[in-house]
Amino acid sequence: MRLPAEIVAQLRGRFEGQRVCVTGGAGFIGGHVLDALLSLGASVVVIDDLATSTAEHVASLIDLEPDRVRFIHGSILEPSALSEAVAGCSHVIHLAALGSVPRSIKQPERTIAVNTTGTVRVLSAAREANVSRLVLASSSSVYGESETLPKHERMPTQPLSPYAASKASAETFACAWSRAFGLSTACLRFFNVFGPRQSAEAEYAAVIPAFAKAILDGNAPTIFGDGEQSRDFTYVDNAVLGVLRAAATPTPLAGEPLNIAAGEQLTVNDLAKHMAELLGAPALTPTHVDTRPGDVKHSKASLERAGELIGYVPITSTTDGLAETCTYFAEHYNGAGAGSV
């Protein structure tokens, strides 16, 4: 990612020479977080079981920075692997999770085990290692179907899926570990993060890489429902900035939920149209199928609290992020299942 020079100057002093554990660091957001931490002078320890990712990007970083990147192939459900990963670390960035609302509908118990029980084990390991702060990746899905827009952190959570429930409960445990044990924690509610290197090949691929794959294959993208549902699509550079700000801020934090988003709203129909134009296939018309269980109708974030507590302000608009992402897809996708974007 490309951080503005003034932000680099602010953050380098907080991370240079530090050792940071990133759970799920082989994943999409994790890979971008690793890039940023290394650029700021930190060393990183990645723990990932590779259940929903590959070690390709981490391996490339090890090749470039063998003294500053360590990879532990293990699960966050394994206490011994976790203890090894967090030992000597100043921060823990907890990104490991079993993502996707549809997957959680099919695999609710596995989702709870990884996302909730796994988070408790990460919290315990971080406490024992005496880290200065743990940053938890949560989700906008915890808000559920409230008609209030924009979504703000003082709203009650109303999970509509096992995935959303697992994230809401993970937040509760992060807050409890702060209050009971003094572990400084922050819970970042990410809103539909997208960007380069996001997989389009997985069964539960997110909407933007799934649309890119379909369009580049010459197929109509599939939209669940009427397509008038809207999302606050958040370019990955904004998500990474939120992580860095939450980890670095001197503000005392005790499990506060913070929205990390673009603060914009785009319908899925408009998304499909815009991506088809960016990828050179403006005539493609989406196919509509039944709405999926657990999906919410509208989502847009209030960024006021994140701005107040950690100084978060998005650095890339959704429009600019989509342009960069589609350029990446067009350059890296090898066609109908032959490669990945």
Protein backbone atom coordinates (compact mmCIF):
# COMPACT_ATOMS: atom_id res chain seq x y z
CA MET A 1 0.00 0.00 0.00
CA ARG A 2 1.02 3.61 -0.41
CA LEU A 3 0.70 5.66 2.76
CA PRO A 4 0.93 9.45 2.45
CA ALA A 5 4.31 10.75 3.61
CA GLU A 6 2.86 12.64 6.56
CA ILE A 7 1.16 9.47 7.87
CA VAL A 8 4.37 7.47 7.46
CA ALA A 9 6.18 10.11 9.52
CA GLN A 10 3.54 9.84 12.25
CA LEU A 11 3.52 6.04 12.41
CA ARG A 12 7.15 5.09 11.87
CA GLY A 13 8.18 6.13 15.35
CA ARG A 14 5.55 3.83 16.83
CA PHE A 15 6.44 0.70 14.85
CA GLU A 16 10.11 0.95 13.89
CA GLY A 17 12.05 -1.77 15.68
CA GLN A 18 8.89 -3.33 17.14
CA ARG A 19 7.81 -6.95 16.76
CA VAL A 20 4.16 -7.39 15.73
CA CYS A 21 2.14 -10.61 15.59
CA VAL A 22 -0.45 -10.77 12.81
CA THR A 23 -2.91 -13.64 13.07
CA GLY A 24 -4.33 -14.54 9.67
CA GLY A 25 -1.44 -12.68 8.09
CA ALA A 26 -1.50 -14.86 4.97
CA GLY A 27 -4.99 -13.60 4.12
CA PHE A 28 -6.06 -10.72 1.93
CA ILE A 29 -6.14 -7.91 4.50
CA GLY A 30 -3.29 -9.54 6.42
CA GLY A 31 -0.94 -9.40 3.46
CA HIS A 32 -1.49 -5.68 3.05
CA VAL A 33 -1.02 -5.12 6.79
CA LEU A 34 2.31 -6.97 6.60
CA ASP A 35 3.44 -4.78 3.71
CA ALA A 36 2.66 -1.63 5.70
CA LEU A 37 4.29 -2.82 8.93
CA LEU A 38 7.49 -3.77 7.12
CA SER A 39 7.55 -0.42 5.34
CA LEU A 40 7.36 1.25 8.78
CA GLY A 41 10.36 -0.68 10.08
CA ALA A 42 8.60 -3.35 12.16
CA SER A 43 9.34 -7.07 12.30
CA VAL A 44 6.35 -9.40 11.91
CA VAL A 45 5.35 -12.85 13.07
CA VAL A 46 2.52 -14.42 11.07
CA ILE A 47 0.40 -17.27 12.36
CA ASP A 48 -2.01 -18.78 9.84
CA ASP A 49 -3.38 -22.28 9.24
CA LEU A 50 -3.84 -21.52 5.50
CA ALA A 51 -7.38 -22.92 5.60
CA THR A 52 -8.69 -20.06 3.44
CA SER A 53 -5.46 -18.58 2.08
CA THR A 54 -2.04 -19.47 0.72
CA ALA A 55 1.47 -18.70 1.93
CA GLU A 56 2.52 -17.19 -1.40
CA HIS A 57 2.67 -13.53 -0.34
CA VAL A 58 4.22 -14.27 3.05
CA ALA A 59 6.86 -16.43 1.32
CA SER A 60 7.71 -13.55 -1.02
CA LEU A 61 8.19 -11.26 2.00
CA ILE A 62 10.41 -13.83 3.73
CA ASP A 63 12.55 -13.92 0.59
CA LEU A 64 12.91 -10.13 0.71
CA GLU A 65 13.21 -9.69 4.49
CA PRO A 66 14.27 -13.01 6.05
CA ASP A 67 15.36 -11.35 9.28
CA ARG A 68 12.10 -9.46 9.79
CA VAL A 69 9.40 -11.95 8.74
CA ARG A 70 8.58 -15.19 10.50
CA PHE A 71 5.79 -17.59 9.55
CA ILE A 72 4.16 -20.09 11.90
CA HIS A 73 1.88 -22.59 10.16
CA GLY A 74 -0.67 -23.15 12.87
CA SER A 75 -4.18 -22.45 14.09
CA ILE A 76 -5.26 -19.80 16.57
CA LEU A 77 -7.05 -22.68 18.31
CA GLU A 78 -3.64 -24.14 19.23
CA PRO A 79 -2.40 -22.48 22.48
CA SER A 80 1.21 -23.60 21.98
CA ALA A 81 1.40 -22.14 18.47
CA LEU A 82 -0.18 -18.91 19.68
CA SER A 83 2.22 -18.57 22.59
CA GLU A 84 5.13 -18.99 20.20
CA ALA A 85 3.68 -16.41 17.80
CA VAL A 86 3.05 -13.64 20.33
CA ALA A 87 6.23 -14.09 22.40
CA GLY A 88 8.19 -10.85 22.47
CA CYS A 89 5.59 -8.91 20.46
CA SER A 90 4.50 -5.37 21.31
CA HIS A 91 1.23 -5.62 19.38
CA VAL A 92 -1.15 -8.30 18.14
CA ILE A 93 -3.21 -7.65 15.01
CA HIS A 94 -5.94 -10.30 15.14
CA LEU A 95 -7.25 -10.85 11.61
CA ALA A 96 -7.61 -14.65 11.62
CA ALA A 97 -11.24 -15.67 11.09
CA LEU A 98 -13.56 -17.85 9.09
CA GLY A 99 -15.20 -15.24 6.89
CA SER A 100 -18.40 -15.06 4.83
CA VAL A 101 -22.03 -14.89 5.93
CA PRO A 102 -23.09 -17.67 3.49
CA ARG A 103 -20.34 -19.98 4.76
CA SER A 104 -21.49 -19.39 8.33
CA ILE A 105 -25.03 -20.40 7.39
CA LYS A 106 -23.65 -23.74 6.19
CA GLN A 107 -20.98 -24.11 8.88
CA PRO A 108 -22.22 -22.31 12.01
CA GLU A 109 -20.35 -24.35 14.61
CA ARG A 110 -17.04 -24.09 12.79
CA THR A 111 -17.56 -20.34 12.43
CA ILE A 112 -18.15 -19.92 16.15
CA ALA A 113 -15.19 -22.14 17.03
CA VAL A 114 -12.72 -20.16 14.91
CA ASN A 115 -14.08 -16.65 15.31
CA THR A 116 -15.19 -16.68 18.95
CA THR A 117 -13.24 -19.42 20.73
CA GLY A 118 -10.21 -18.57 18.61
CA THR A 119 -10.45 -14.92 19.64
CA VAL A 120 -10.59 -15.87 23.33
CA ARG A 121 -7.41 -17.87 22.89
CA VAL A 122 -5.68 -14.99 21.09
CA LEU A 123 -6.74 -12.62 23.88
CA SER A 124 -5.36 -15.00 26.49
CA ALA A 125 -2.05 -15.41 24.66
CA ALA A 126 -1.72 -11.65 24.22
CA ARG A 127 -2.39 -11.07 27.91
CA GLU A 128 0.21 -13.63 28.94
CA ALA A 129 2.75 -12.04 26.58
CA ASN A 130 2.00 -8.59 28.05
CA VAL A 131 1.47 -6.95 24.66
CA SER A 132 0.69 -3.24 24.66
CA ARG A 133 -2.38 -3.50 22.43
CA LEU A 134 -4.48 -6.04 20.56
CA VAL A 135 -6.45 -4.92 17.49
CA LEU A 136 -9.40 -7.17 16.58
CA ALA A 137 -10.92 -7.33 13.10
CA SER A 138 -14.68 -7.22 13.54
CA SER A 139 -17.38 -6.59 10.95
CA SER A 140 -20.17 -4.21 9.97
CA SER A 141 -22.42 -7.29 9.87
CA VAL A 142 -22.90 -6.96 13.65
CA TYR A 143 -25.32 -4.06 13.03
CA GLY A 144 -27.85 -6.30 11.31
CA GLU A 145 -30.87 -4.87 9.50
CA SER A 146 -31.31 -1.60 11.38
CA GLU A 147 -32.74 1.09 9.09
CA THR A 148 -30.61 3.78 10.73
CA LEU A 149 -27.95 5.24 8.43
CA PRO A 150 -25.14 5.87 8.81
CA LYS A 151 -24.36 3.04 11.22
CA HIS A 152 -22.74 4.32 14.41
CA GLU A 153 -21.01 2.44 17.18
CA ARG A 154 -23.55 3.27 19.88
CA MET A 155 -26.27 1.37 18.03
CA PRO A 156 -27.23 -2.06 19.44
CA THR A 157 -25.85 -5.06 17.60
CA GLN A 158 -28.46 -7.24 15.84
CA PRO A 159 -26.64 -10.16 14.16
CA LEU A 160 -28.52 -11.90 11.34
CA SER A 161 -26.07 -14.75 10.78
CA PRO A 162 -23.68 -16.99 12.72
CA TYR A 163 -20.80 -14.99 11.23
CA ALA A 164 -22.20 -11.71 12.54
CA ALA A 165 -22.92 -13.30 15.92
CA SER A 166 -19.37 -14.66 16.12
CA LYS A 167 -17.95 -11.19 15.52
CA ALA A 168 -20.28 -9.54 18.02
CA SER A 169 -19.29 -12.07 20.68
CA ALA A 170 -15.59 -11.64 19.86
CA GLU A 171 -15.99 -7.91 20.51
CA THR A 172 -17.62 -8.67 23.86
CA PHE A 173 -14.70 -10.85 24.90
CA ALA A 174 -12.16 -8.22 23.80
CA CYS A 175 -13.94 -5.66 25.98
CA ALA A 176 -14.08 -8.14 28.89
CA TRP A 177 -10.33 -8.89 28.65
CA SER A 178 -9.64 -5.16 28.75
CA ARG A 179 -11.79 -4.55 31.80
CA ALA A 180 -10.92 -7.73 33.71
CA PHE A 181 -7.22 -8.07 32.86
CA GLY A 182 -6.10 -4.64 31.66
CA LEU A 183 -5.31 -5.75 28.09
CA SER A 184 -5.69 -2.74 25.80
CA THR A 185 -7.93 -3.72 22.87
CA ALA A 186 -9.70 -2.11 19.92
CA CYS A 187 -12.45 -3.68 17.78
CA LEU A 188 -12.49 -2.52 14.16
CA ARG A 189 -15.78 -2.97 12.33
CA PHE A 190 -14.67 -3.31 8.73
CA PHE A 191 -17.17 -2.47 5.99
CA ASN A 192 -16.83 -4.60 2.81
CA VAL A 193 -13.09 -4.38 2.29
CA PHE A 194 -11.80 -4.88 -1.27
CA GLY A 195 -8.64 -4.43 -3.28
CA PRO A 196 -5.74 -6.10 -5.14
CA ARG A 197 -4.88 -9.71 -4.29
CA GLN A 198 -8.39 -10.50 -3.00
CA SER A 199 -9.23 -14.02 -4.16
CA ALA A 200 -11.92 -14.62 -6.76
CA GLU A 201 -11.47 -18.37 -6.81
CA ALA A 202 -12.85 -19.32 -3.40
CA GLU A 203 -16.36 -20.72 -3.07
CA TYR A 204 -17.30 -17.76 -0.88
CA ALA A 205 -15.49 -15.03 -2.80
CA ALA A 206 -16.46 -11.46 -1.94
CA VAL A 207 -18.63 -9.56 -4.39
CA ILE A 208 -15.98 -7.38 -6.08
CA PRO A 209 -13.51 -10.16 -7.01
CA ALA A 210 -16.46 -12.41 -7.94
CA PHE A 211 -17.77 -9.72 -10.30
CA ALA A 212 -14.28 -9.17 -11.74
CA LYS A 213 -13.84 -12.87 -12.46
CA ALA A 214 -17.23 -13.14 -14.16
CA ILE A 215 -16.71 -10.03 -16.30
CA LEU A 216 -13.19 -11.01 -17.34
CA ASP A 217 -14.51 -14.46 -18.28
CA GLY A 218 -17.16 -12.78 -20.45
CA ASN A 219 -20.00 -13.83 -18.15
CA ALA A 220 -22.75 -11.81 -16.53
CA PRO A 221 -22.07 -11.12 -12.84
CA THR A 222 -24.59 -12.69 -10.47
CA ILE A 223 -26.47 -10.42 -8.08
CA PHE A 224 -28.38 -11.81 -5.12
CA GLY A 225 -31.71 -9.98 -4.87
CA ASP A 226 -32.75 -6.88 -6.79
CA GLY A 227 -29.32 -5.26 -6.55
CA GLU A 228 -30.62 -2.15 -4.84
CA GLN A 229 -28.95 -3.20 -1.60
CA SER A 230 -26.11 -0.81 -0.83
CA ARG A 231 -22.72 -1.17 0.81
CA ASP A 232 -19.93 1.03 2.11
CA PHE A 233 -17.20 -0.55 -0.03
CA THR A 234 -13.85 0.11 1.64
CA TYR A 235 -10.58 0.04 -0.26
CA VAL A 236 -7.97 -2.06 1.52
CA ASP A 237 -5.59 0.87 2.07
CA ASN A 238 -8.26 2.41 4.32
CA ALA A 239 -8.60 -0.84 6.28
CA VAL A 240 -4.84 -1.04 6.79
CA LEU A 241 -4.71 2.57 7.91
CA GLY A 242 -7.43 1.83 10.46
CA VAL A 243 -5.39 -1.08 11.83
CA LEU A 244 -2.24 1.01 12.09
CA ARG A 245 -4.02 3.94 13.72
CA ALA A 246 -5.73 1.66 16.26
CA ALA A 247 -2.46 -0.07 17.11
CA ALA A 248 -0.45 3.14 17.37
CA THR A 249 -2.74 5.62 19.10
CA PRO A 250 -1.73 6.65 22.64
CA THR A 251 -5.45 6.99 23.48
CA PRO A 252 -6.41 4.40 26.12
CA LEU A 253 -8.65 1.78 24.52
CA ALA A 254 -10.69 -0.91 26.26
CA GLY A 255 -12.52 -2.82 23.56
CA GLU A 256 -14.08 0.20 21.86
CA PRO A 257 -15.82 -0.70 18.56
CA LEU A 258 -14.72 1.56 15.71
CA ASN A 259 -16.11 1.73 12.18
CA ILE A 260 -13.45 1.49 9.46
CA ALA A 261 -14.91 2.34 6.08
CA ALA A 262 -14.98 4.86 3.25
CA GLY A 263 -18.10 6.59 4.56
CA GLU A 264 -19.70 6.20 1.13
CA GLN A 265 -22.69 4.22 -0.21
CA LEU A 266 -22.98 2.31 -3.50
CA THR A 267 -25.69 -0.07 -4.68
CA VAL A 268 -24.69 -3.48 -5.98
CA ASN A 269 -26.35 -2.68 -9.31
CA ASP A 270 -24.22 0.45 -9.67
CA LEU A 271 -21.14 -1.49 -8.61
CA ALA A 272 -21.71 -4.09 -11.35
CA LYS A 273 -22.27 -1.39 -13.97
CA HIS A 274 -19.18 0.57 -12.97
CA MET A 275 -16.95 -2.52 -12.87
CA ALA A 276 -18.18 -3.68 -16.28
CA GLU A 277 -17.22 -0.28 -17.70
CA LEU A 278 -13.80 -0.31 -16.01
CA LEU A 279 -13.11 -3.83 -17.29
CA GLY A 280 -14.12 -3.05 -20.86
CA ALA A 281 -17.46 -4.89 -21.00
CA PRO A 282 -20.14 -2.20 -20.51
CA ALA A 283 -22.80 -4.24 -22.34
CA LEU A 284 -22.81 -7.09 -19.79
CA THR A 285 -26.12 -7.26 -17.92
CA PRO A 286 -26.13 -8.87 -14.45
CA THR A 287 -28.16 -11.96 -13.64
CA HIS A 288 -30.40 -11.70 -10.57
CA VAL A 289 -31.06 -14.64 -8.26
CA ASP A 290 -32.77 -15.05 -4.87
CA THR A 291 -31.58 -13.04 -1.88
CA ARG A 292 -29.28 -14.95 0.48
CA PRO A 293 -30.12 -15.56 4.14
CA GLY A 294 -28.30 -13.22 6.51
CA ASP A 295 -27.69 -10.43 3.99
CA VAL A 296 -28.56 -6.90 5.10
CA LYS A 297 -30.21 -4.36 2.81
CA HIS A 298 -28.17 -1.20 3.39
CA SER A 299 -24.88 -0.33 5.02
CA LYS A 300 -23.00 2.93 5.43
CA ALA A 301 -20.62 3.89 8.22
CA SER A 302 -20.35 6.88 10.47
CA LEU A 303 -16.64 7.62 10.87
CA GLU A 304 -16.94 10.23 13.60
CA ARG A 305 -15.93 8.04 16.53
CA ALA A 306 -12.94 6.47 14.72
CA GLY A 307 -11.79 9.95 13.83
CA GLU A 308 -12.07 11.13 17.43
CA LEU A 309 -10.43 8.14 19.11
CA ILE A 310 -7.69 7.06 16.70
CA GLY A 311 -7.50 9.85 14.12
CA TYR A 312 -8.85 7.68 11.31
CA VAL A 313 -9.72 9.44 8.04
CA PRO A 314 -10.00 7.38 4.83
CA ILE A 315 -7.24 8.04 2.32
CA THR A 316 -8.75 6.42 -0.81
CA SER A 317 -12.26 6.92 -2.19
CA THR A 318 -14.36 3.97 -3.33
CA THR A 319 -14.20 5.21 -6.94
CA ASP A 320 -10.41 5.46 -6.94
CA GLY A 321 -10.09 2.13 -5.15
CA LEU A 322 -12.31 0.39 -7.71
CA ALA A 323 -10.23 1.81 -10.56
CA GLU A 324 -7.00 0.52 -8.99
CA THR A 325 -8.55 -2.83 -8.18
CA CYS A 326 -9.99 -3.41 -11.65
CA THR A 327 -6.64 -2.51 -13.18
CA TYR A 328 -5.02 -5.13 -10.97
CA PHE A 329 -7.62 -7.76 -11.89
CA ALA A 330 -7.24 -7.08 -15.60
CA GLU A 331 -3.45 -7.42 -15.38
CA HIS A 332 -3.33 -10.54 -13.18
CA TYR A 333 -6.32 -12.70 -14.02
CA ASN A 334 -5.50 -15.54 -16.40
CA GLY A 335 -9.02 -16.57 -17.37
CA ALA A 336 -11.77 -19.02 -16.36
CA GLY A 337 -10.27 -20.69 -13.36
CA ALA A 338 -6.73 -20.73 -14.77
CA GLY A 339 -5.41 -18.19 -12.31
CA SER A 340 -6.45 -16.00 -9.47
CA VAL A 341 -7.03 -12.34 -8.95
